[in-house]
Amino acid sequence: MNILVTGSNGQVGSEIQELSSNYQYRFYFTCKSDFDIIDTDMMRKFIVKNDIDTLINCAAYTAVDKAENEKELADKINHLGVKNLANLAHELDIKLIHISTDYVFSGTNFKPYTETDTPNPKNVYGQTKLDGEKAILEYNLKNSLIIRTSWVYSYYGNNFVKTMLRLGRQKDSLGVIFDQVGTPTYAKDLAKAILDLIPQIKNNKTEIYNYTNEGVLSWYDFAKEIMKMTKLSCKITPIKTKDYPLPALRPHYSVLNKSKIKKDFNLTIPYWKDGLEDCLKRLGERR
C-alpha cells in the first residue's frame, strides 16, 4: 500500500510520520513547499508516478482568527485544494481520508453531535472546512472518509497544551474560558486510528466519522489538568467567552458522538487524560 500524506509537517501529519515505521505501508510525506494541493497537474503526476492508492489529507488553513480577514486564502486551502484532491481521488480511483473539524457546527446543541446533524458554522474557518467536505461529497467517492475532530494538540507544533505550559511558567494566575465545552484530541491517537482503519475501509460512498478522545470538559478543565500533571503553581481562574473576545466566534458546545467510528472499525478510543499524560511525558513535562 502506497500512502501519500499531505500537510505532513502539521500536528497530525507529524504524528503519522513518527508512527509510520510501525506499519507495513510505503509512505510519501509532503508539505506545502513541495506539494501544492492547488496544482492539480503536479499532484496527478506525483500520484501516478508513485502508484499512490491512499491519500491522507492533513493540509489545512487552521488560523481560525486570521481566517476572518484571509477568507480567500482559507477557502483556497480548505475548500478549493480539497476539491482538487477529491477530483483526483475520483479520477484515479484512490482512497481519500480527509480531516475536518467540529467548527462545521454552530455549538448550540445540548447533546453530542452525530455525523448526520446539520452543519451551521459560525466563522470563516468552519465555513471553508464545510465547503471542503461538500466538495468531497459531490464526487461520491467510494472507500473514502471525512473525519471530524476537535481541540487538536500534540508533541509537535503550536497548540493549547504548549501555550498553557509557557504561560503557566510565566504567570501566577491565568483566566481560561469555562463556557466552551468539547473534547481534546491527542494528534498521536488520531494518527494511530487513521493508520489502523485504512485496511478496513470498504464503503461505496464517502462516509463521515467523528473522532476525538473520550470525555467531556471545558478549556478551563483542560488547563487545570495541565497544571496539575506538571505541578505548575499557576492558578487557573474560570472566565466567560465574552470576557476574552476574539475575531472569530467559537462554538460553545462541540462534543462529538463517536459511536459510528467505534462500531464500524471496532475502535477503542483513549480517554483524554491518558492522551494528555503521554504528550506531557514526551515533552518532558510530566511531574
C-alpha atoms as a PDB file:
ATOM      1  CA  MET A   1       0.000   0.000   0.000  1.00  0.00           C
ATOM      2  CA  ASN A   2       1.405   3.381  -1.040  1.00  0.00           C
ATOM      3  CA  ILE A   3       0.182   6.267   1.113  1.00  0.00           C
ATOM      4  CA  LEU A   4       0.565   9.969   0.344  1.00  0.00           C
ATOM      5  CA  VAL A   5       0.279  12.287   3.364  1.00  0.00           C
ATOM      6  CA  THR A   6      -0.249  15.990   2.638  1.00  0.00           C
ATOM      7  CA  GLY A   7       0.432  18.623   5.296  1.00  0.00           C
ATOM      8  CA  SER A   8       2.871  16.224   6.923  1.00  0.00           C
ATOM      9  CA  ASN A   9       4.584  18.949   8.962  1.00  0.00           C
ATOM     10  CA  GLY A  10       1.386  19.722  10.877  1.00  0.00           C
ATOM     11  CA  GLN A  11       0.333  18.130  14.155  1.00  0.00           C
ATOM     12  CA  VAL A  12      -1.464  15.071  12.771  1.00  0.00           C
ATOM     13  CA  GLY A  13       0.905  14.671   9.815  1.00  0.00           C
ATOM     14  CA  SER A  14       3.943  14.772  12.111  1.00  0.00           C
ATOM     15  CA  GLU A  15       2.442  12.121  14.384  1.00  0.00           C
ATOM     16  CA  ILE A  16       1.716   9.916  11.352  1.00  0.00           C
ATOM     17  CA  GLN A  17       5.372  10.274  10.349  1.00  0.00           C
ATOM     18  CA  GLU A  18       6.518   9.176  13.798  1.00  0.00           C
ATOM     19  CA  LEU A  19       4.176   6.162  13.809  1.00  0.00           C
ATOM     20  CA  SER A  20       4.838   5.174  10.194  1.00  0.00           C
ATOM     21  CA  SER A  21       7.680   2.750  10.965  1.00  0.00           C
ATOM     22  CA  ASN A  22       5.182   0.551  12.834  1.00  0.00           C
ATOM     23  CA  TYR A  23       3.184  -0.129   9.648  1.00  0.00           C
ATOM     24  CA  GLN A  24       3.917  -2.143   6.542  1.00  0.00           C
ATOM     25  CA  TYR A  25       2.981   0.711   4.215  1.00  0.00           C
ATOM     26  CA  ARG A  26       5.119   2.803   1.883  1.00  0.00           C
ATOM     27  CA  PHE A  27       4.713   6.448   2.863  1.00  0.00           C
ATOM     28  CA  TYR A  28       5.263   9.657   0.916  1.00  0.00           C
ATOM     29  CA  PHE A  29       5.255  12.675   3.236  1.00  0.00           C
ATOM     30  CA  THR A  30       4.723  16.072   1.624  1.00  0.00           C
ATOM     31  CA  CYS A  31       4.185  19.649   2.769  1.00  0.00           C
ATOM     32  CA  LYS A  32       3.047  22.866   1.083  1.00  0.00           C
ATOM     33  CA  SER A  33       6.561  23.722  -0.110  1.00  0.00           C
ATOM     34  CA  ASP A  34       6.854  20.568  -2.233  1.00  0.00           C
ATOM     35  CA  PHE A  35       3.232  19.523  -2.854  1.00  0.00           C
ATOM     36  CA  ASP A  36       0.782  22.304  -3.672  1.00  0.00           C
ATOM     37  CA  ILE A  37      -2.793  20.988  -3.431  1.00  0.00           C
ATOM     38  CA  ILE A  38      -3.888  23.764  -5.794  1.00  0.00           C
ATOM     39  CA  ASP A  39      -1.651  22.410  -8.572  1.00  0.00           C
ATOM     40  CA  THR A  40      -3.720  19.565  -9.988  1.00  0.00           C
ATOM     41  CA  ASP A  41      -1.325  18.605 -12.790  1.00  0.00           C
ATOM     42  CA  MET A  42       1.635  18.334 -10.428  1.00  0.00           C
ATOM     43  CA  MET A  43      -0.373  16.218  -7.982  1.00  0.00           C
ATOM     44  CA  ARG A  44      -1.627  13.903 -10.720  1.00  0.00           C
ATOM     45  CA  LYS A  45       1.909  13.263 -11.976  1.00  0.00           C
ATOM     46  CA  PHE A  46       3.179  12.575  -8.447  1.00  0.00           C
ATOM     47  CA  ILE A  47       0.326  10.212  -7.615  1.00  0.00           C
ATOM     48  CA  VAL A  48       0.635   8.261 -10.867  1.00  0.00           C
ATOM     49  CA  LYS A  49       4.442   8.111 -10.749  1.00  0.00           C
ATOM     50  CA  ASN A  50       4.474   6.717  -7.207  1.00  0.00           C
ATOM     51  CA  ASP A  51       1.441   4.448  -7.651  1.00  0.00           C
ATOM     52  CA  ILE A  52      -0.389   6.074  -4.713  1.00  0.00           C
ATOM     53  CA  ASP A  53      -3.515   4.195  -3.637  1.00  0.00           C
ATOM     54  CA  THR A  54      -4.358   6.104  -0.414  1.00  0.00           C
ATOM     55  CA  LEU A  55      -4.275   9.838   0.208  1.00  0.00           C
ATOM     56  CA  ILE A  56      -4.416  11.252   3.760  1.00  0.00           C
ATOM     57  CA  ASN A  57      -5.084  14.981   3.631  1.00  0.00           C
ATOM     58  CA  CYS A  58      -3.686  16.746   6.687  1.00  0.00           C
ATOM     59  CA  ALA A  59      -3.165  20.018   4.796  1.00  0.00           C
ATOM     60  CA  ALA A  60      -5.343  22.822   6.142  1.00  0.00           C
ATOM     61  CA  TYR A  61      -5.561  26.510   6.918  1.00  0.00           C
ATOM     62  CA  THR A  62      -6.103  26.423  10.693  1.00  0.00           C
ATOM     63  CA  ALA A  63      -5.559  30.037  11.834  1.00  0.00           C
ATOM     64  CA  VAL A  64      -9.162  30.456  12.995  1.00  0.00           C
ATOM     65  CA  ASP A  65      -8.996  34.162  13.853  1.00  0.00           C
ATOM     66  CA  LYS A  66      -6.818  35.199  10.906  1.00  0.00           C
ATOM     67  CA  ALA A  67      -9.265  33.458   8.575  1.00  0.00           C
ATOM     68  CA  GLU A  68     -11.805  36.193   9.288  1.00  0.00           C
ATOM     69  CA  ASN A  69      -9.588  38.566   7.289  1.00  0.00           C
ATOM     70  CA  GLU A  70      -7.996  35.998   4.983  1.00  0.00           C
ATOM     71  CA  LYS A  71     -11.128  34.412   3.559  1.00  0.00           C
ATOM     72  CA  GLU A  72      -9.688  33.815   0.089  1.00  0.00           C
ATOM     73  CA  LEU A  73      -6.588  32.057   1.393  1.00  0.00           C
ATOM     74  CA  ALA A  74      -8.584  29.917   3.830  1.00  0.00           C
ATOM     75  CA  ASP A  75     -11.023  28.988   1.059  1.00  0.00           C
ATOM     76  CA  LYS A  76      -8.177  28.211  -1.341  1.00  0.00           C
ATOM     77  CA  ILE A  77      -6.664  25.646   1.031  1.00  0.00           C
ATOM     78  CA  ASN A  78      -9.676  24.273   2.933  1.00  0.00           C
ATOM     79  CA  HIS A  79     -12.126  24.202   0.031  1.00  0.00           C
ATOM     80  CA  LEU A  80     -10.592  24.524  -3.436  1.00  0.00           C
ATOM     81  CA  GLY A  81      -7.494  22.466  -2.614  1.00  0.00           C
ATOM     82  CA  VAL A  82      -9.668  19.737  -1.106  1.00  0.00           C
ATOM     83  CA  LYS A  83     -11.870  19.811  -4.214  1.00  0.00           C
ATOM     84  CA  ASN A  84      -8.761  19.168  -6.319  1.00  0.00           C
ATOM     85  CA  LEU A  85      -7.820  16.192  -4.139  1.00  0.00           C
ATOM     86  CA  ALA A  86     -11.345  14.788  -4.382  1.00  0.00           C
ATOM     87  CA  ASN A  87     -11.289  15.191  -8.158  1.00  0.00           C
ATOM     88  CA  LEU A  88      -8.020  13.261  -8.401  1.00  0.00           C
ATOM     89  CA  ALA A  89      -9.225  10.575  -5.987  1.00  0.00           C
ATOM     90  CA  HIS A  90     -12.258  10.102  -8.236  1.00  0.00           C
ATOM     91  CA  GLU A  91     -10.249  10.176 -11.474  1.00  0.00           C
ATOM     92  CA  LEU A  92      -7.525   7.799 -10.280  1.00  0.00           C
ATOM     93  CA  ASP A  93      -9.740   5.600  -8.073  1.00  0.00           C
ATOM     94  CA  ILE A  94      -7.774   6.017  -4.835  1.00  0.00           C
ATOM     95  CA  LYS A  95      -8.823   6.238  -1.186  1.00  0.00           C
ATOM     96  CA  LEU A  96      -9.087   9.714   0.327  1.00  0.00           C
ATOM     97  CA  ILE A  97      -9.056  10.338   4.084  1.00  0.00           C
ATOM     98  CA  HIS A  98      -9.726  13.980   4.873  1.00  0.00           C
ATOM     99  CA  ILE A  99      -9.555  15.630   8.300  1.00  0.00           C
ATOM    100  CA  SER A 100     -12.290  18.121   9.129  1.00  0.00           C
ATOM    101  CA  THR A 101     -13.451  19.897  12.266  1.00  0.00           C
ATOM    102  CA  ASP A 102     -16.114  20.366  14.933  1.00  0.00           C
ATOM    103  CA  TYR A 103     -16.263  24.016  13.778  1.00  0.00           C
ATOM    104  CA  VAL A 104     -18.655  22.971  10.994  1.00  0.00           C
ATOM    105  CA  PHE A 105     -21.299  23.058  13.768  1.00  0.00           C
ATOM    106  CA  SER A 106     -22.821  26.085  15.492  1.00  0.00           C
ATOM    107  CA  GLY A 107     -22.226  24.747  19.002  1.00  0.00           C
ATOM    108  CA  THR A 108     -25.821  25.316  20.107  1.00  0.00           C
ATOM    109  CA  ASN A 109     -26.581  21.615  20.604  1.00  0.00           C
ATOM    110  CA  PHE A 110     -27.329  20.127  24.001  1.00  0.00           C
ATOM    111  CA  LYS A 111     -26.112  16.622  23.188  1.00  0.00           C
ATOM    112  CA  PRO A 112     -23.055  15.297  21.290  1.00  0.00           C
ATOM    113  CA  TYR A 113     -23.148  15.975  17.566  1.00  0.00           C
ATOM    114  CA  THR A 114     -23.589  12.985  15.264  1.00  0.00           C
ATOM    115  CA  GLU A 115     -22.385  12.736  11.687  1.00  0.00           C
ATOM    116  CA  THR A 116     -25.917  13.361  10.397  1.00  0.00           C
ATOM    117  CA  ASP A 117     -26.589  16.571  12.349  1.00  0.00           C
ATOM    118  CA  THR A 118     -26.954  19.658  10.160  1.00  0.00           C
ATOM    119  CA  PRO A 119     -23.773  21.774   9.999  1.00  0.00           C
ATOM    120  CA  ASN A 120     -24.036  25.515  10.623  1.00  0.00           C
ATOM    121  CA  PRO A 121     -20.579  27.089  11.047  1.00  0.00           C
ATOM    122  CA  LYS A 122     -20.188  30.359  12.974  1.00  0.00           C
ATOM    123  CA  ASN A 123     -16.910  31.524  11.458  1.00  0.00           C
ATOM    124  CA  VAL A 124     -14.976  31.658   8.177  1.00  0.00           C
ATOM    125  CA  TYR A 125     -12.695  28.767   9.108  1.00  0.00           C
ATOM    126  CA  GLY A 126     -15.659  26.490   9.827  1.00  0.00           C
ATOM    127  CA  GLN A 127     -17.394  27.511   6.598  1.00  0.00           C
ATOM    128  CA  THR A 128     -14.331  26.797   4.452  1.00  0.00           C
ATOM    129  CA  LYS A 129     -13.896  23.402   6.104  1.00  0.00           C
ATOM    130  CA  LEU A 130     -17.578  22.628   5.476  1.00  0.00           C
ATOM    131  CA  ASP A 131     -17.203  23.684   1.840  1.00  0.00           C
ATOM    132  CA  GLY A 132     -14.276  21.253   1.591  1.00  0.00           C
ATOM    133  CA  GLU A 133     -16.469  18.475   2.956  1.00  0.00           C
ATOM    134  CA  LYS A 134     -19.199  19.283   0.435  1.00  0.00           C
ATOM    135  CA  ALA A 135     -16.678  19.212  -2.405  1.00  0.00           C
ATOM    136  CA  ILE A 136     -15.677  15.667  -1.437  1.00  0.00           C
ATOM    137  CA  LEU A 137     -19.275  14.512  -1.037  1.00  0.00           C
ATOM    138  CA  GLU A 138     -20.181  15.802  -4.516  1.00  0.00           C
ATOM    139  CA  TYR A 139     -17.840  13.205  -6.032  1.00  0.00           C
ATOM    140  CA  ASN A 140     -19.477  10.401  -4.017  1.00  0.00           C
ATOM    141  CA  LEU A 141     -16.092   8.724  -3.611  1.00  0.00           C
ATOM    142  CA  LYS A 142     -16.003   5.074  -2.645  1.00  0.00           C
ATOM    143  CA  ASN A 143     -13.536   3.909   0.024  1.00  0.00           C
ATOM    144  CA  SER A 144     -13.125   7.471   1.300  1.00  0.00           C
ATOM    145  CA  LEU A 145     -13.660   9.123   4.678  1.00  0.00           C
ATOM    146  CA  ILE A 146     -14.125  12.562   6.198  1.00  0.00           C
ATOM    147  CA  ILE A 147     -13.027  12.546   9.848  1.00  0.00           C
ATOM    148  CA  ARG A 148     -14.241  15.420  12.016  1.00  0.00           C
ATOM    149  CA  THR A 149     -12.143  16.126  15.084  1.00  0.00           C
ATOM    150  CA  SER A 150     -11.704  18.877  17.680  1.00  0.00           C
ATOM    151  CA  TRP A 151      -9.259  20.667  20.008  1.00  0.00           C
ATOM    152  CA  VAL A 152      -6.196  19.019  18.473  1.00  0.00           C
ATOM    153  CA  TYR A 153      -2.874  19.151  20.311  1.00  0.00           C
ATOM    154  CA  SER A 154       0.357  17.177  20.066  1.00  0.00           C
ATOM    155  CA  TYR A 155       4.059  16.934  20.774  1.00  0.00           C
ATOM    156  CA  TYR A 156       4.538  18.907  17.564  1.00  0.00           C
ATOM    157  CA  GLY A 157       3.589  22.434  16.528  1.00  0.00           C
ATOM    158  CA  ASN A 158       1.791  25.168  18.435  1.00  0.00           C
ATOM    159  CA  ASN A 159      -1.258  24.224  20.464  1.00  0.00           C
ATOM    160  CA  PHE A 160      -3.217  24.843  23.667  1.00  0.00           C
ATOM    161  CA  VAL A 161      -1.117  22.489  25.795  1.00  0.00           C
ATOM    162  CA  LYS A 162       2.152  24.191  24.872  1.00  0.00           C
ATOM    163  CA  THR A 163       0.601  27.629  25.377  1.00  0.00           C
ATOM    164  CA  MET A 164      -0.570  26.674  28.866  1.00  0.00           C
ATOM    165  CA  LEU A 165       2.863  25.293  29.738  1.00  0.00           C
ATOM    166  CA  ARG A 166       4.533  28.524  28.625  1.00  0.00           C
ATOM    167  CA  LEU A 167       2.066  30.816  30.391  1.00  0.00           C
ATOM    168  CA  GLY A 168       1.990  28.564  33.445  1.00  0.00           C
ATOM    169  CA  ARG A 169       5.684  29.261  33.981  1.00  0.00           C
ATOM    170  CA  GLN A 170       5.396  32.981  33.295  1.00  0.00           C
ATOM    171  CA  LYS A 171       2.302  33.868  35.309  1.00  0.00           C
ATOM    172  CA  ASP A 172       0.985  33.383  38.831  1.00  0.00           C
ATOM    173  CA  SER A 173      -2.606  33.198  37.601  1.00  0.00           C
ATOM    174  CA  LEU A 174      -4.410  32.786  34.312  1.00  0.00           C
ATOM    175  CA  GLY A 175      -8.020  33.178  33.191  1.00  0.00           C
ATOM    176  CA  VAL A 176      -9.284  30.370  30.956  1.00  0.00           C
ATOM    177  CA  ILE A 177     -12.696  30.037  29.288  1.00  0.00           C
ATOM    178  CA  PHE A 178     -15.115  27.695  31.055  1.00  0.00           C
ATOM    179  CA  ASP A 179     -18.243  28.115  28.909  1.00  0.00           C
ATOM    180  CA  GLN A 180     -16.882  26.364  25.800  1.00  0.00           C
ATOM    181  CA  VAL A 181     -17.256  22.597  26.149  1.00  0.00           C
ATOM    182  CA  GLY A 182     -15.785  19.871  23.966  1.00  0.00           C
ATOM    183  CA  THR A 183     -13.099  17.190  23.954  1.00  0.00           C
ATOM    184  CA  PRO A 184      -9.355  17.472  23.337  1.00  0.00           C
ATOM    185  CA  THR A 185      -7.860  15.256  20.640  1.00  0.00           C
ATOM    186  CA  TYR A 186      -4.307  13.997  21.056  1.00  0.00           C
ATOM    187  CA  ALA A 187      -2.977  14.001  17.486  1.00  0.00           C
ATOM    188  CA  LYS A 188      -0.992  10.813  18.125  1.00  0.00           C
ATOM    189  CA  ASP A 189      -4.205   8.944  18.994  1.00  0.00           C
ATOM    190  CA  LEU A 190      -5.953  10.293  15.890  1.00  0.00           C
ATOM    191  CA  ALA A 191      -2.964   9.405  13.696  1.00  0.00           C
ATOM    192  CA  LYS A 192      -2.903   5.834  15.028  1.00  0.00           C
ATOM    193  CA  ALA A 193      -6.647   5.470  14.486  1.00  0.00           C
ATOM    194  CA  ILE A 194      -6.316   6.600  10.869  1.00  0.00           C
ATOM    195  CA  LEU A 195      -3.471   4.191  10.127  1.00  0.00           C
ATOM    196  CA  ASP A 196      -5.282   1.299  11.842  1.00  0.00           C
ATOM    197  CA  LEU A 197      -8.535   1.748   9.938  1.00  0.00           C
ATOM    198  CA  ILE A 198      -7.081   2.132   6.427  1.00  0.00           C
ATOM    199  CA  PRO A 199      -7.115  -1.631   5.610  1.00  0.00           C
ATOM    200  CA  GLN A 200     -10.731  -1.850   6.814  1.00  0.00           C
ATOM    201  CA  ILE A 201     -12.139   0.879   4.567  1.00  0.00           C
ATOM    202  CA  LYS A 202     -14.730  -0.685   2.268  1.00  0.00           C
ATOM    203  CA  ASN A 203     -17.576   1.712   1.559  1.00  0.00           C
ATOM    204  CA  ASN A 204     -19.478   2.505  -1.638  1.00  0.00           C
ATOM    205  CA  LYS A 205     -19.718   6.230  -0.890  1.00  0.00           C
ATOM    206  CA  THR A 206     -17.846   8.782   1.169  1.00  0.00           C
ATOM    207  CA  GLU A 207     -18.570   8.344   4.867  1.00  0.00           C
ATOM    208  CA  ILE A 208     -18.275  10.988   7.588  1.00  0.00           C
ATOM    209  CA  TYR A 209     -16.935   9.976  11.007  1.00  0.00           C
ATOM    210  CA  ASN A 210     -16.320  11.777  14.284  1.00  0.00           C
ATOM    211  CA  TYR A 211     -13.117  11.200  16.229  1.00  0.00           C
ATOM    212  CA  THR A 212     -11.868  12.813  19.441  1.00  0.00           C
ATOM    213  CA  ASN A 213     -10.548  11.334  22.647  1.00  0.00           C
ATOM    214  CA  GLU A 214     -13.152  10.163  25.155  1.00  0.00           C
ATOM    215  CA  GLY A 215     -14.615  12.516  27.744  1.00  0.00           C
ATOM    216  CA  VAL A 216     -16.188  15.976  28.008  1.00  0.00           C
ATOM    217  CA  LEU A 217     -14.649  19.118  29.518  1.00  0.00           C
ATOM    218  CA  SER A 218     -14.124  22.863  29.167  1.00  0.00           C
ATOM    219  CA  TRP A 219     -10.939  24.719  28.269  1.00  0.00           C
ATOM    220  CA  TYR A 220     -10.779  25.652  31.970  1.00  0.00           C
ATOM    221  CA  ASP A 221     -10.845  21.968  32.991  1.00  0.00           C
ATOM    222  CA  PHE A 222      -8.173  21.200  30.405  1.00  0.00           C
ATOM    223  CA  ALA A 223      -5.883  23.959  31.678  1.00  0.00           C
ATOM    224  CA  LYS A 224      -6.397  22.862  35.307  1.00  0.00           C
ATOM    225  CA  GLU A 225      -5.339  19.315  34.460  1.00  0.00           C
ATOM    226  CA  ILE A 226      -2.247  20.515  32.577  1.00  0.00           C
ATOM    227  CA  MET A 227      -1.135  22.486  35.651  1.00  0.00           C
ATOM    228  CA  LYS A 228      -1.923  19.553  37.933  1.00  0.00           C
ATOM    229  CA  MET A 229       0.014  16.983  35.889  1.00  0.00           C
ATOM    230  CA  THR A 230       3.046  19.252  35.549  1.00  0.00           C
ATOM    231  CA  LYS A 231       2.845  20.594  39.120  1.00  0.00           C
ATOM    232  CA  LEU A 232       2.950  24.180  37.896  1.00  0.00           C
ATOM    233  CA  SER A 233       1.738  26.613  40.574  1.00  0.00           C
ATOM    234  CA  CYS A 234      -0.123  28.943  38.189  1.00  0.00           C
ATOM    235  CA  LYS A 235      -3.707  29.434  39.437  1.00  0.00           C
ATOM    236  CA  ILE A 236      -6.352  28.862  36.751  1.00  0.00           C
ATOM    237  CA  THR A 237      -9.454  31.053  37.027  1.00  0.00           C
ATOM    238  CA  PRO A 238     -12.654  30.423  35.015  1.00  0.00           C
ATOM    239  CA  ILE A 239     -13.758  33.243  32.701  1.00  0.00           C
ATOM    240  CA  LYS A 240     -16.621  33.621  30.204  1.00  0.00           C
ATOM    241  CA  THR A 241     -16.143  33.748  26.448  1.00  0.00           C
ATOM    242  CA  LYS A 242     -17.386  37.342  26.395  1.00  0.00           C
ATOM    243  CA  ASP A 243     -14.519  38.327  28.706  1.00  0.00           C
ATOM    244  CA  TYR A 244     -11.955  37.060  26.191  1.00  0.00           C
ATOM    245  CA  PRO A 245     -13.190  38.393  22.827  1.00  0.00           C
ATOM    246  CA  LEU A 246     -11.595  37.063  19.648  1.00  0.00           C
ATOM    247  CA  PRO A 247     -12.229  37.902  15.969  1.00  0.00           C
ATOM    248  CA  ALA A 248     -13.840  34.523  15.203  1.00  0.00           C
ATOM    249  CA  LEU A 249     -16.855  33.162  17.070  1.00  0.00           C
ATOM    250  CA  ARG A 250     -16.365  29.731  18.662  1.00  0.00           C
ATOM    251  CA  PRO A 251     -18.967  27.008  19.262  1.00  0.00           C
ATOM    252  CA  HIS A 252     -19.949  26.850  22.936  1.00  0.00           C
ATOM    253  CA  TYR A 253     -20.673  23.119  22.731  1.00  0.00           C
ATOM    254  CA  SER A 254     -18.824  20.905  20.255  1.00  0.00           C
ATOM    255  CA  VAL A 255     -18.790  17.442  21.791  1.00  0.00           C
ATOM    256  CA  LEU A 256     -18.775  14.822  19.011  1.00  0.00           C
ATOM    257  CA  ASN A 257     -20.554  11.467  19.218  1.00  0.00           C
ATOM    258  CA  LYS A 258     -18.043   8.743  18.263  1.00  0.00           C
ATOM    259  CA  SER A 259     -20.359   5.716  18.265  1.00  0.00           C
ATOM    260  CA  LYS A 260     -20.221   5.274  14.482  1.00  0.00           C
ATOM    261  CA  ILE A 261     -16.433   5.053  14.093  1.00  0.00           C
ATOM    262  CA  LYS A 262     -16.132   2.775  17.147  1.00  0.00           C
ATOM    263  CA  LYS A 263     -18.776   0.416  15.783  1.00  0.00           C
ATOM    264  CA  ASP A 264     -17.726   0.343  12.131  1.00  0.00           C
ATOM    265  CA  PHE A 265     -13.997  -0.123  12.813  1.00  0.00           C
ATOM    266  CA  ASN A 266     -14.103  -1.858  16.212  1.00  0.00           C
ATOM    267  CA  LEU A 267     -12.079   1.077  17.515  1.00  0.00           C
ATOM    268  CA  THR A 268     -11.137   1.672  21.147  1.00  0.00           C
ATOM    269  CA  ILE A 269     -10.566   5.365  21.818  1.00  0.00           C
ATOM    270  CA  PRO A 270      -8.299   6.511  24.692  1.00  0.00           C
ATOM    271  CA  TYR A 271      -9.547   8.809  27.465  1.00  0.00           C
ATOM    272  CA  TRP A 272      -8.443  12.437  27.117  1.00  0.00           C
ATOM    273  CA  LYS A 273      -6.354  12.406  30.318  1.00  0.00           C
ATOM    274  CA  ASP A 274      -4.365   9.415  29.062  1.00  0.00           C
ATOM    275  CA  GLY A 275      -3.530  11.262  25.865  1.00  0.00           C
ATOM    276  CA  LEU A 276      -2.517  14.375  27.793  1.00  0.00           C
ATOM    277  CA  GLU A 277      -0.290  12.364  30.118  1.00  0.00           C
ATOM    278  CA  ASP A 278       1.506  10.733  27.190  1.00  0.00           C
ATOM    279  CA  CYS A 279       2.024  14.081  25.461  1.00  0.00           C
ATOM    280  CA  LEU A 280       3.418  15.705  28.606  1.00  0.00           C
ATOM    281  CA  LYS A 281       5.802  12.785  29.122  1.00  0.00           C
ATOM    282  CA  ARG A 282       7.101  13.171  25.575  1.00  0.00           C
ATOM    283  CA  LEU A 283       7.546  16.886  26.183  1.00  0.00           C
ATOM    284  CA  GLY A 284       9.459  16.090  29.386  1.00  0.00           C
ATOM    285  CA  GLU A 285       6.861  17.961  31.455  1.00  0.00           C
ATOM    286  CA  ARG A 286       5.121  15.196  33.441  1.00  0.00           C
ATOM    287  CA  ARG A 287       5.797  15.561  37.183  1.00  0.00           C
END
